Amino acid sequence: MAGLSSRLRACDSALGIIFIVQPNGRLGIKEIQALDGDGLLLDGISHRYLIECVNAVAAGKKWIDHKILQHLLMPETQHQPMSSLTGRETEIADLVSRGLRNKTIAQRLHVSEGTVKMHLHHVYEKLHLGSRAELAWVAHGKGAERPGTGLI
């Protein structure tokens, strides 16, 4: 599939490419990088997420399904139940990694800004991250190493 993106972009460099992948597929950071797409969805995604992805890609942004994000952030080798993200933490991690501010996230989720900060703090602790930049780095597959922190 990696060559497909290159061939499509050769025909139209402004083309936004969205891949829909199977939920049981083994998709790691390197595989996502090799796809070189602008959007990445799991097959069977809700219409709301499909529309959100298409709109983001049309606006020139990158978009990744939050379930894929959760899989990348919580590798199978980590079996400690206390360290897994809750649904809300995953949702907030996804929104933060897309560049949304705490205030915007709070408004979108109908919670207080303090609640967003609390969930974000838990995400950082569970994933051993120190900043929004590291979260975005991990979430959007920029490689196996975070800048200045060693291996993930």
Protein backbone atom coordinates (compact mmCIF):
# COMPACT_ATOMS: atom_id res chain seq x y z
CA MET A 1 0.00 0.00 0.00
CA ALA A 2 2.94 2.33 0.60
CA GLY A 3 3.61 2.70 -3.11
CA LEU A 4 -0.04 3.53 -3.70
CA SER A 5 0.25 6.88 -1.88
CA SER A 6 3.25 7.86 -3.97
CA ARG A 7 1.52 6.95 -7.22
CA LEU A 8 -1.66 8.83 -6.26
CA ARG A 9 0.29 11.92 -5.19
CA ALA A 10 2.20 11.82 -8.50
CA CYS A 11 -1.14 12.24 -10.30
CA ASP A 12 -2.41 15.00 -8.00
CA SER A 13 -0.12 16.46 -5.34
CA ALA A 14 -3.05 18.16 -3.56
CA LEU A 15 -4.89 14.86 -3.15
CA GLY A 16 -5.82 13.93 0.43
CA ILE A 17 -5.40 10.20 1.02
CA ILE A 18 -7.42 8.34 3.65
CA PHE A 19 -6.79 4.68 4.42
CA ILE A 20 -9.38 2.42 6.04
CA VAL A 21 -7.74 -0.55 7.74
CA GLN A 22 -9.03 -3.75 9.32
CA PRO A 23 -9.28 -3.70 13.14
CA ASN A 24 -7.41 -6.99 13.50
CA GLY A 25 -4.49 -5.88 11.32
CA ARG A 26 -1.08 -5.40 12.92
CA LEU A 27 -0.52 -1.72 12.31
CA GLY A 28 2.46 -0.17 14.07
CA ILE A 29 4.12 3.20 13.83
CA LYS A 30 6.39 2.08 10.98
CA GLU A 31 3.48 0.67 8.98
CA ILE A 32 1.54 3.91 9.44
CA GLN A 33 4.54 5.93 8.27
CA ALA A 34 4.91 3.67 5.24
CA LEU A 35 1.27 4.27 4.26
CA ASP A 36 2.01 8.00 3.99
CA GLY A 37 -1.67 8.85 4.19
CA ASP A 38 -3.42 11.93 5.51
CA GLY A 39 -6.18 10.05 7.33
CA LEU A 40 -6.36 6.64 8.92
CA LEU A 41 -9.62 4.96 9.97
CA LEU A 42 -10.63 1.54 11.22
CA ASP A 43 -13.13 -0.33 9.09
CA GLY A 44 -16.60 0.03 10.59
CA ILE A 45 -15.94 3.54 11.92
CA SER A 46 -18.92 5.70 12.81
CA HIS A 47 -20.23 8.19 10.25
CA ARG A 48 -19.32 11.03 12.63
CA TYR A 49 -15.64 10.03 12.65
CA LEU A 50 -15.62 9.45 8.89
CA ILE A 51 -16.98 12.97 8.30
CA GLU A 52 -14.54 14.43 10.85
CA CYS A 53 -11.65 12.67 9.09
CA VAL A 54 -12.71 13.81 5.61
CA ASN A 55 -13.16 17.41 6.81
CA ALA A 56 -9.76 17.44 8.54
CA VAL A 57 -7.96 16.00 5.50
CA ALA A 58 -9.79 18.43 3.20
CA ALA A 59 -8.49 21.26 5.44
CA GLY A 60 -4.92 20.00 4.97
CA LYS A 61 -4.62 18.31 8.38
CA LYS A 62 -3.68 14.77 9.41
CA TRP A 63 -6.31 12.59 11.13
CA ILE A 64 -6.07 9.22 12.88
CA ASP A 65 -8.81 7.13 14.48
CA HIS A 66 -8.63 7.31 18.28
CA LYS A 67 -8.75 3.50 18.53
CA ILE A 68 -5.62 3.24 16.40
CA LEU A 69 -4.10 5.92 18.60
CA GLN A 70 -4.94 3.88 21.71
CA HIS A 71 -3.33 0.80 20.16
CA LEU A 72 -0.16 2.75 19.40
CA LEU A 73 -0.02 4.35 22.84
CA MET A 74 -0.73 1.13 24.71
CA PRO A 75 1.31 -1.63 23.05
CA GLU A 76 0.28 -5.24 23.66
CA THR A 77 3.49 -5.85 25.60
CA GLN A 78 2.16 -3.68 28.40
CA HIS A 79 -0.18 -5.86 30.47
CA GLN A 80 -0.61 -3.76 33.60
CA PRO A 81 -4.35 -3.02 33.93
CA MET A 82 -3.64 0.06 36.05
CA SER A 83 -1.72 1.63 33.18
CA SER A 84 -4.41 1.37 30.49
CA LEU A 85 -6.19 4.53 29.45
CA THR A 86 -9.87 4.98 30.14
CA GLY A 87 -12.20 5.84 27.28
CA ARG A 88 -12.26 9.50 28.30
CA GLU A 89 -8.46 9.63 28.64
CA THR A 90 -8.11 8.14 25.17
CA GLU A 91 -10.58 10.68 23.79
CA ILE A 92 -8.73 13.59 25.40
CA ALA A 93 -5.32 12.24 24.29
CA ASP A 94 -6.69 12.04 20.75
CA LEU A 95 -7.99 15.63 20.81
CA VAL A 96 -4.77 16.98 22.38
CA SER A 97 -2.67 15.17 19.78
CA ARG A 98 -4.72 16.92 17.08
CA GLY A 99 -3.66 20.28 18.49
CA LEU A 100 -6.82 21.28 20.33
CA ARG A 101 -6.46 23.46 23.42
CA ASN A 102 -7.82 22.42 26.82
CA LYS A 103 -10.54 25.06 26.67
CA THR A 104 -11.73 23.85 23.25
CA ILE A 105 -11.66 20.22 24.39
CA ALA A 106 -13.66 21.12 27.51
CA GLN A 107 -16.29 22.89 25.42
CA ARG A 108 -16.49 20.02 22.92
CA LEU A 109 -16.86 17.38 25.65
CA HIS A 110 -19.08 19.53 27.89
CA VAL A 111 -16.73 19.29 30.89
CA SER A 112 -14.68 21.84 32.80
CA GLU A 113 -11.19 22.81 31.72
CA GLY A 114 -9.97 21.44 35.06
CA THR A 115 -11.43 18.03 34.22
CA VAL A 116 -9.55 18.03 30.92
CA LYS A 117 -6.32 18.93 32.75
CA MET A 118 -6.88 16.11 35.26
CA HIS A 119 -7.43 13.51 32.51
CA LEU A 120 -4.43 14.81 30.58
CA HIS A 121 -2.28 14.55 33.71
CA HIS A 122 -3.35 10.89 34.05
CA VAL A 123 -2.51 10.24 30.39
CA TYR A 124 0.98 11.71 30.84
CA GLU A 125 1.56 9.61 33.96
CA LYS A 126 0.30 6.35 32.47
CA LEU A 127 2.25 6.76 29.23
CA HIS A 128 5.33 8.31 30.81
CA LEU A 129 5.07 11.45 28.70
CA GLY A 130 6.06 14.97 29.65
CA SER A 131 4.28 17.25 27.21
CA ARG A 132 1.66 17.74 24.52
CA ALA A 133 4.44 17.62 21.94
CA GLU A 134 5.50 14.15 23.12
CA LEU A 135 1.89 12.98 23.06
CA ALA A 136 1.47 14.23 19.48
CA TRP A 137 4.82 12.70 18.54
CA VAL A 138 3.76 9.29 19.82
CA ALA A 139 0.19 9.57 18.53
CA HIS A 140 1.07 10.45 14.96
CA GLY A 141 3.89 7.98 14.43
CA LYS A 142 6.91 10.23 14.02
CA GLY A 143 9.24 7.34 14.73
CA ALA A 144 10.29 5.06 17.54
CA GLU A 145 12.13 7.75 19.42
CA ARG A 146 10.87 10.94 21.00
CA PRO A 147 13.15 13.95 20.71
CA GLY A 148 15.54 14.10 23.63
CA THR A 149 13.87 11.31 25.62
CA GLY A 150 15.21 8.04 24.23
CA LEU A 151 13.04 5.13 23.19
CA ILE A 152 9.34 5.16 23.87
